[in-house]
Each structure stands twice: as C-alpha cells, then as structure tokens.
Amino acid sequence: MKELVEVIARSLVDHPDQVVVTEKESAKGLILQLKVAQSDMGKVIGKQGRIAKAIRSVVKAAASKEDKRVIVDIM
C-alpha cells in the first residue's frame, strides 16, 4: 500500500523527491501518513478535496482485496 500511495503522490507533485509515506499500525488498521512539500499540498488535496478523496478510494479498493483496513492521512 505504501508504494501505491508514493507512486500516485509523486506523479501529482512538482517536487517528487520530497514525498514521504510512513506506515503505522493501530487498532483501526494500517495508517499511511503522506507528507509532501508545502507548495505541493494543493495539488495533492485538490479542489474541495477531490484528489485526496480519489487517492483514498484507490487505496481502499486495493486494501479490500487483501482484507485490510487502510487509512490515508495527508500531513
């Protein structure tokens, strides 16, 4: 899942070298924290959060194949 979020985020931003994804296990499931450059935040979130919602939907679909719960958190 981590690699999927990295690939999607790096294709969206102007500074792909500053994309960092960290994984954390919690009681709710796997939490993926996405950090990008401050100037790229708007590109990752999108108008009214549409791109962020699309990223979460893709990750959720991939996680459902593995019967996992994954939360994408954009920092």
C-alpha atoms as a PDB file:
ATOM      1  CA  MET A   1       0.000   0.000   0.000  1.00  0.00           C
ATOM      2  CA  LYS A   2       2.839   2.346   0.844  1.00  0.00           C
ATOM      3  CA  GLU A   3       4.305   2.046  -2.650  1.00  0.00           C
ATOM      4  CA  LEU A   4       0.911   2.720  -4.248  1.00  0.00           C
ATOM      5  CA  VAL A   5       0.489   5.998  -2.356  1.00  0.00           C
ATOM      6  CA  GLU A   6       4.076   7.030  -3.183  1.00  0.00           C
ATOM      7  CA  VAL A   7       3.599   6.433  -6.911  1.00  0.00           C
ATOM      8  CA  ILE A   8       0.330   8.349  -7.021  1.00  0.00           C
ATOM      9  CA  ALA A   9       1.665  11.283  -4.991  1.00  0.00           C
ATOM     10  CA  ARG A  10       4.930  11.555  -6.935  1.00  0.00           C
ATOM     11  CA  SER A  11       3.042  11.743 -10.209  1.00  0.00           C
ATOM     12  CA  LEU A  12       0.983  14.690  -8.916  1.00  0.00           C
ATOM     13  CA  VAL A  13       3.592  16.975  -7.339  1.00  0.00           C
ATOM     14  CA  ASP A  14       6.333  19.277  -8.637  1.00  0.00           C
ATOM     15  CA  HIS A  15       8.867  18.068  -6.034  1.00  0.00           C
ATOM     16  CA  PRO A  16       8.652  14.245  -6.083  1.00  0.00           C
ATOM     17  CA  ASP A  17      11.848  13.921  -4.034  1.00  0.00           C
ATOM     18  CA  GLN A  18      10.039  15.434  -1.019  1.00  0.00           C
ATOM     19  CA  VAL A  19       7.225  12.867  -0.973  1.00  0.00           C
ATOM     20  CA  VAL A  20       7.425  10.743   2.191  1.00  0.00           C
ATOM     21  CA  VAL A  21       4.989   7.991   3.157  1.00  0.00           C
ATOM     22  CA  THR A  22       5.194   6.377   6.591  1.00  0.00           C
ATOM     23  CA  GLU A  23       3.264   3.370   7.863  1.00  0.00           C
ATOM     24  CA  LYS A  24       1.830   2.976  11.348  1.00  0.00           C
ATOM     25  CA  GLU A  25      -0.165   0.100  12.773  1.00  0.00           C
ATOM     26  CA  SER A  26      -3.094   0.935  15.009  1.00  0.00           C
ATOM     27  CA  ALA A  27      -6.211  -0.722  16.373  1.00  0.00           C
ATOM     28  CA  LYS A  28      -8.175   0.763  13.455  1.00  0.00           C
ATOM     29  CA  GLY A  29      -5.818  -0.754  10.867  1.00  0.00           C
ATOM     30  CA  LEU A  30      -2.861   0.468   8.850  1.00  0.00           C
ATOM     31  CA  ILE A  31      -2.352   4.244   8.779  1.00  0.00           C
ATOM     32  CA  LEU A  32      -0.387   5.723   5.869  1.00  0.00           C
ATOM     33  CA  GLN A  33       0.867   9.251   6.503  1.00  0.00           C
ATOM     34  CA  LEU A  34       1.640  11.216   3.345  1.00  0.00           C
ATOM     35  CA  LYS A  35       3.932  14.230   3.591  1.00  0.00           C
ATOM     36  CA  VAL A  36       4.689  16.494   0.624  1.00  0.00           C
ATOM     37  CA  ALA A  37       6.311  19.894   0.136  1.00  0.00           C
ATOM     38  CA  GLN A  38       4.199  22.812   1.363  1.00  0.00           C
ATOM     39  CA  SER A  39       3.907  24.180  -2.173  1.00  0.00           C
ATOM     40  CA  ASP A  40       2.504  20.839  -3.380  1.00  0.00           C
ATOM     41  CA  MET A  41      -0.242  20.465  -0.767  1.00  0.00           C
ATOM     42  CA  GLY A  42      -2.891  21.940  -3.042  1.00  0.00           C
ATOM     43  CA  LYS A  43      -2.040  19.518  -5.821  1.00  0.00           C
ATOM     44  CA  VAL A  44      -2.405  16.517  -3.527  1.00  0.00           C
ATOM     45  CA  ILE A  45      -5.616  17.727  -1.889  1.00  0.00           C
ATOM     46  CA  GLY A  46      -7.290  19.217  -4.974  1.00  0.00           C
ATOM     47  CA  LYS A  47     -10.362  21.418  -5.224  1.00  0.00           C
ATOM     48  CA  GLN A  48     -12.736  20.594  -2.384  1.00  0.00           C
ATOM     49  CA  GLY A  49     -10.554  17.566  -1.538  1.00  0.00           C
ATOM     50  CA  ARG A  50     -11.414  15.659  -4.702  1.00  0.00           C
ATOM     51  CA  ILE A  51      -7.906  14.357  -5.400  1.00  0.00           C
ATOM     52  CA  ALA A  52      -7.382  13.347  -1.765  1.00  0.00           C
ATOM     53  CA  LYS A  53     -10.709  11.513  -1.851  1.00  0.00           C
ATOM     54  CA  ALA A  54      -9.710   9.746  -5.078  1.00  0.00           C
ATOM     55  CA  ILE A  55      -6.376   8.648  -3.563  1.00  0.00           C
ATOM     56  CA  ARG A  56      -8.211   7.254  -0.530  1.00  0.00           C
ATOM     57  CA  SER A  57     -10.697   5.437  -2.784  1.00  0.00           C
ATOM     58  CA  VAL A  58      -7.942   3.756  -4.811  1.00  0.00           C
ATOM     59  CA  VAL A  59      -6.083   2.685  -1.676  1.00  0.00           C
ATOM     60  CA  LYS A  60      -9.296   1.428  -0.081  1.00  0.00           C
ATOM     61  CA  ALA A  61     -10.048  -0.666  -3.168  1.00  0.00           C
ATOM     62  CA  ALA A  62      -6.550  -2.159  -3.164  1.00  0.00           C
ATOM     63  CA  ALA A  63      -6.758  -2.865   0.571  1.00  0.00           C
ATOM     64  CA  SER A  64     -10.122  -4.578   0.268  1.00  0.00           C
ATOM     65  CA  LYS A  65      -8.544  -7.206  -1.977  1.00  0.00           C
ATOM     66  CA  GLU A  66      -6.237  -8.101   0.909  1.00  0.00           C
ATOM     67  CA  ASP A  67      -8.995  -7.804   3.563  1.00  0.00           C
ATOM     68  CA  LYS A  68      -7.178  -4.934   5.286  1.00  0.00           C
ATOM     69  CA  ARG A  69      -8.299  -1.551   6.551  1.00  0.00           C
ATOM     70  CA  VAL A  70      -6.074   1.313   5.430  1.00  0.00           C
ATOM     71  CA  ILE A  71      -6.382   4.985   6.349  1.00  0.00           C
ATOM     72  CA  VAL A  72      -4.545   7.617   4.278  1.00  0.00           C
ATOM     73  CA  ASP A  73      -3.650  10.702   6.303  1.00  0.00           C
ATOM     74  CA  ILE A  74      -2.264  13.739   4.443  1.00  0.00           C
ATOM     75  CA  MET A  75       0.017  15.750   6.683  1.00  0.00           C
END
